[in-house]
C-alpha atoms as a PDB file:
ATOM      1  CA  UNK A   1     125.761 117.882   2.790  1.00  0.00           C
ATOM      2  CA  UNK A   2     129.245 117.679   4.350  1.00  0.00           C
ATOM      3  CA  UNK A   3     129.934 121.232   3.209  1.00  0.00           C
ATOM      4  CA  UNK A   4     126.755 122.508   4.887  1.00  0.00           C
ATOM      5  CA  UNK A   5     127.630 120.738   8.146  1.00  0.00           C
ATOM      6  CA  UNK A   6     131.170 122.124   7.994  1.00  0.00           C
ATOM      7  CA  UNK A   7     129.814 125.625   7.333  1.00  0.00           C
ATOM      8  CA  UNK A   8     127.340 125.402  10.256  1.00  0.00           C
ATOM      9  CA  UNK A   9     130.051 124.081  12.567  1.00  0.00           C
ATOM     10  CA  UNK A  10     132.411 126.897  11.550  1.00  0.00           C
ATOM     11  CA  UNK A  11     129.720 129.561  12.131  1.00  0.00           C
ATOM     12  CA  UNK A  12     128.864 128.020  15.509  1.00  0.00           C
ATOM     13  CA  UNK A  13     132.512 128.084  16.646  1.00  0.00           C
ATOM     14  CA  UNK A  14     132.897 131.672  15.432  1.00  0.00           C
ATOM     15  CA  UNK A  15     129.770 132.868  17.276  1.00  0.00           C
ATOM     16  CA  UNK A  16     130.782 131.067  20.478  1.00  0.00           C
ATOM     17  CA  UNK A  17     134.224 132.631  20.291  1.00  0.00           C
ATOM     18  CA  UNK A  18     132.742 136.104  19.857  1.00  0.00           C
ATOM     19  CA  UNK A  19     130.437 135.609  22.872  1.00  0.00           C
ATOM     20  CA  UNK A  20     133.366 134.475  25.060  1.00  0.00           C
ATOM     21  CA  UNK A  21     135.478 137.473  23.989  1.00  0.00           C
ATOM     22  CA  UNK A  22     132.574 139.856  24.669  1.00  0.00           C
ATOM     23  CA  UNK A  23     131.946 138.296  28.101  1.00  0.00           C
ATOM     24  CA  UNK A  24     135.648 138.404  28.983  1.00  0.00           C
ATOM     25  CA  UNK A  25     135.848 142.048  27.905  1.00  0.00           C
ATOM     26  CA  UNK A  26     132.778 142.900  30.010  1.00  0.00           C
ATOM     27  CA  UNK A  27     134.259 141.135  33.058  1.00  0.00           C
ATOM     28  CA  UNK A  28     137.512 143.063  32.662  1.00  0.00           C
ATOM     29  CA  UNK A  29     135.584 146.351  32.421  1.00  0.00           C
ATOM     30  CA  UNK A  30     133.782 145.627  35.704  1.00  0.00           C
ATOM     31  CA  UNK A  31     137.037 144.730  37.459  1.00  0.00           C
ATOM     32  CA  UNK A  32     138.914 147.733  36.068  1.00  0.00           C
ATOM     33  CA  UNK A  33     136.069 150.051  37.046  1.00  0.00           C
ATOM     34  CA  UNK A  34     136.294 149.026  40.708  1.00  0.00           C
ATOM     35  CA  UNK A  35     139.894 147.867  40.944  1.00  0.00           C
ATOM     36  CA  UNK A  36     141.276 147.855  44.505  1.00  0.00           C
ATOM     37  CA  UNK A  37     137.976 149.226  45.794  1.00  0.00           C
ATOM     38  CA  UNK A  38     139.784 152.555  46.327  1.00  0.00           C
ATOM     39  CA  UNK A  39     141.435 151.348  49.545  1.00  0.00           C
ATOM     40  CA  UNK A  40     144.769 153.120  49.126  1.00  0.00           C
ATOM     41  CA  UNK A  41     145.325 155.673  51.874  1.00  0.00           C
ATOM     42  CA  UNK A  42     142.410 154.352  53.934  1.00  0.00           C
ATOM     43  CA  UNK A  43     142.426 152.674  57.335  1.00  0.00           C
ATOM     44  CA  UNK A  44     140.045 149.854  58.203  1.00  0.00           C
ATOM     45  CA  UNK A  45     139.242 148.333  61.552  1.00  0.00           C
ATOM     46  CA  UNK A  46     139.291 144.524  61.439  1.00  0.00           C
ATOM     47  CA  UNK A  47     137.217 143.356  64.399  1.00  0.00           C
ATOM     48  CA  UNK A  48     137.263 139.680  65.324  1.00  0.00           C
ATOM     49  CA  UNK A  49     134.401 139.359  67.877  1.00  0.00           C
ATOM     50  CA  UNK A  50     135.951 142.141  69.977  1.00  0.00           C
ATOM     51  CA  UNK A  51     138.646 139.641  71.023  1.00  0.00           C
ATOM     52  CA  UNK A  52     141.181 141.113  68.627  1.00  0.00           C
ATOM     53  CA  UNK A  53     140.873 144.453  66.852  1.00  0.00           C
ATOM     54  CA  UNK A  54     143.387 145.689  64.291  1.00  0.00           C
ATOM     55  CA  UNK A  55     143.760 148.906  62.333  1.00  0.00           C
ATOM     56  CA  UNK A  56     144.820 148.118  58.794  1.00  0.00           C
ATOM     57  CA  UNK A  57     146.121 151.035  56.711  1.00  0.00           C
ATOM     58  CA  UNK A  58     146.738 150.547  53.010  1.00  0.00           C
ATOM     59  CA  UNK A  59     149.597 152.999  52.596  1.00  0.00           C
ATOM     60  CA  UNK A  60     150.119 152.370  48.873  1.00  0.00           C
ATOM     61  CA  UNK A  61     149.204 149.841  46.208  1.00  0.00           C
ATOM     62  CA  UNK A  62     151.718 147.431  47.741  1.00  0.00           C
ATOM     63  CA  UNK A  63     152.294 148.404  51.397  1.00  0.00           C
ATOM     64  CA  UNK A  64     150.012 147.766  54.367  1.00  0.00           C
ATOM     65  CA  UNK A  65     150.543 148.877  57.963  1.00  0.00           C
ATOM     66  CA  UNK A  66     148.681 146.901  60.608  1.00  0.00           C
ATOM     67  CA  UNK A  67     148.427 147.620  64.320  1.00  0.00           C
ATOM     68  CA  UNK A  68     146.854 145.567  67.106  1.00  0.00           C
ATOM     69  CA  UNK A  69     144.646 148.061  68.985  1.00  0.00           C
ATOM     70  CA  UNK A  70     142.712 145.664  71.233  1.00  0.00           C
ATOM     71  CA  UNK A  71     143.500 142.225  72.644  1.00  0.00           C
ATOM     72  CA  UNK A  72     146.669 140.250  73.196  1.00  0.00           C
ATOM     73  CA  UNK A  73     148.446 138.264  70.537  1.00  0.00           C
ATOM     74  CA  UNK A  74     152.003 136.886  70.730  1.00  0.00           C
ATOM     75  CA  UNK A  75     154.522 138.648  68.551  1.00  0.00           C
ATOM     76  CA  UNK A  76     154.611 142.090  67.016  1.00  0.00           C
ATOM     77  CA  UNK A  77     151.866 144.603  67.765  1.00  0.00           C
ATOM     78  CA  UNK A  78     152.495 146.712  64.676  1.00  0.00           C
ATOM     79  CA  UNK A  79     154.234 146.171  61.370  1.00  0.00           C
ATOM     80  CA  UNK A  80     154.415 147.317  57.762  1.00  0.00           C
ATOM     81  CA  UNK A  81     154.368 144.580  55.113  1.00  0.00           C
ATOM     82  CA  UNK A  82     153.965 144.110  51.372  1.00  0.00           C
ATOM     83  CA  UNK A  83     150.506 142.996  50.245  1.00  0.00           C
ATOM     84  CA  UNK A  84     148.720 141.886  47.111  1.00  0.00           C
ATOM     85  CA  UNK A  85     145.051 142.223  46.296  1.00  0.00           C
ATOM     86  CA  UNK A  86     142.545 140.986  43.762  1.00  0.00           C
ATOM     87  CA  UNK A  87     139.094 142.353  43.078  1.00  0.00           C
ATOM     88  CA  UNK A  88     136.863 139.248  43.243  1.00  0.00           C
ATOM     89  CA  UNK A  89     133.678 141.075  42.264  1.00  0.00           C
ATOM     90  CA  UNK A  90     132.419 144.631  42.330  1.00  0.00           C
ATOM     91  CA  UNK A  91     132.174 144.683  46.133  1.00  0.00           C
ATOM     92  CA  UNK A  92     134.425 141.823  47.241  1.00  0.00           C
ATOM     93  CA  UNK A  93     138.171 142.273  47.643  1.00  0.00           C
ATOM     94  CA  UNK A  94     140.836 139.668  48.432  1.00  0.00           C
ATOM     95  CA  UNK A  95     143.916 141.027  50.268  1.00  0.00           C
ATOM     96  CA  UNK A  96     146.921 138.965  51.371  1.00  0.00           C
ATOM     97  CA  UNK A  97     150.239 139.560  53.120  1.00  0.00           C
ATOM     98  CA  UNK A  98     152.923 137.730  55.078  1.00  0.00           C
ATOM     99  CA  UNK A  99     154.329 139.184  58.279  1.00  0.00           C
ATOM    100  CA  UNK A 100     158.037 139.151  59.075  1.00  0.00           C
ATOM    101  CA  UNK A 101     157.337 136.296  61.533  1.00  0.00           C
ATOM    102  CA  UNK A 102     156.114 134.157  58.625  1.00  0.00           C
ATOM    103  CA  UNK A 103     152.444 134.364  59.631  1.00  0.00           C
ATOM    104  CA  UNK A 104     150.438 134.700  56.418  1.00  0.00           C
ATOM    105  CA  UNK A 105     146.991 136.277  56.082  1.00  0.00           C
ATOM    106  CA  UNK A 106     144.392 135.998  53.340  1.00  0.00           C
ATOM    107  CA  UNK A 107     141.458 138.371  53.859  1.00  0.00           C
ATOM    108  CA  UNK A 108     138.169 138.534  52.015  1.00  0.00           C
ATOM    109  CA  UNK A 109     136.476 141.910  52.493  1.00  0.00           C
ATOM    110  CA  UNK A 110     132.810 142.058  51.466  1.00  0.00           C
ATOM    111  CA  UNK A 111     131.890 145.737  51.089  1.00  0.00           C
ATOM    112  CA  UNK A 112     128.160 144.869  50.780  1.00  0.00           C
ATOM    113  CA  UNK A 113     127.948 143.328  54.256  1.00  0.00           C
ATOM    114  CA  UNK A 114     131.199 144.495  55.880  1.00  0.00           C
ATOM    115  CA  UNK A 115     131.895 140.832  56.618  1.00  0.00           C
ATOM    116  CA  UNK A 116     135.535 139.886  56.905  1.00  0.00           C
ATOM    117  CA  UNK A 117     136.870 136.363  56.490  1.00  0.00           C
ATOM    118  CA  UNK A 118     140.529 135.884  57.346  1.00  0.00           C
ATOM    119  CA  UNK A 119     142.404 132.689  56.632  1.00  0.00           C
ATOM    120  CA  UNK A 120     145.792 132.524  58.323  1.00  0.00           C
ATOM    121  CA  UNK A 121     148.737 130.178  58.011  1.00  0.00           C
ATOM    122  CA  UNK A 122     151.690 129.647  60.287  1.00  0.00           C
ATOM    123  CA  UNK A 123     154.090 126.754  59.860  1.00  0.00           C
ATOM    124  CA  UNK A 124     151.865 123.719  59.223  1.00  0.00           C
ATOM    125  CA  UNK A 125     148.745 125.163  60.845  1.00  0.00           C
ATOM    126  CA  UNK A 126     145.876 126.981  59.188  1.00  0.00           C
ATOM    127  CA  UNK A 127     142.855 128.657  60.739  1.00  0.00           C
ATOM    128  CA  UNK A 128     139.939 130.907  59.838  1.00  0.00           C
ATOM    129  CA  UNK A 129     138.750 134.009  61.681  1.00  0.00           C
ATOM    130  CA  UNK A 130     135.411 135.537  60.758  1.00  0.00           C
ATOM    131  CA  UNK A 131     134.889 139.168  61.674  1.00  0.00           C
ATOM    132  CA  UNK A 132     133.636 142.564  60.583  1.00  0.00           C
ATOM    133  CA  UNK A 133     135.406 145.562  59.143  1.00  0.00           C
ATOM    134  CA  UNK A 134     134.705 149.256  58.804  1.00  0.00           C
ATOM    135  CA  UNK A 135     136.585 152.279  57.607  1.00  0.00           C
ATOM    136  CA  UNK A 136     138.039 154.450  60.374  1.00  0.00           C
ATOM    137  CA  UNK A 137     139.358 157.998  60.187  1.00  0.00           C
END
């Protein structure tokens, strides 16, 4: 009886392990298929309720150029910074960078809805800015 239970337990663990490996492999295939949402070389307009509008150009897989094109904001009006990105799902991209001033941005771009959610951090303050984005030529 103990041998049968041991055998069933072993088979169960093996099958569970195979399912997890298959699921993980499938998830990686989806992410690799849509990695970086093909943003390199493209410029997007980040529009925060028409109060602030930026043009964000992904110059390479690690460099972003941003430019304030509408509104007033203290500090630089244009800059090139290093960024990182992670594909969250097929149509959702997370992009983050830190400006030379120390202001850090974390952006969630939803390509299904064109909704933009930006979390920003400066010193000990954090804030969130919802907006919209679109590709510009």
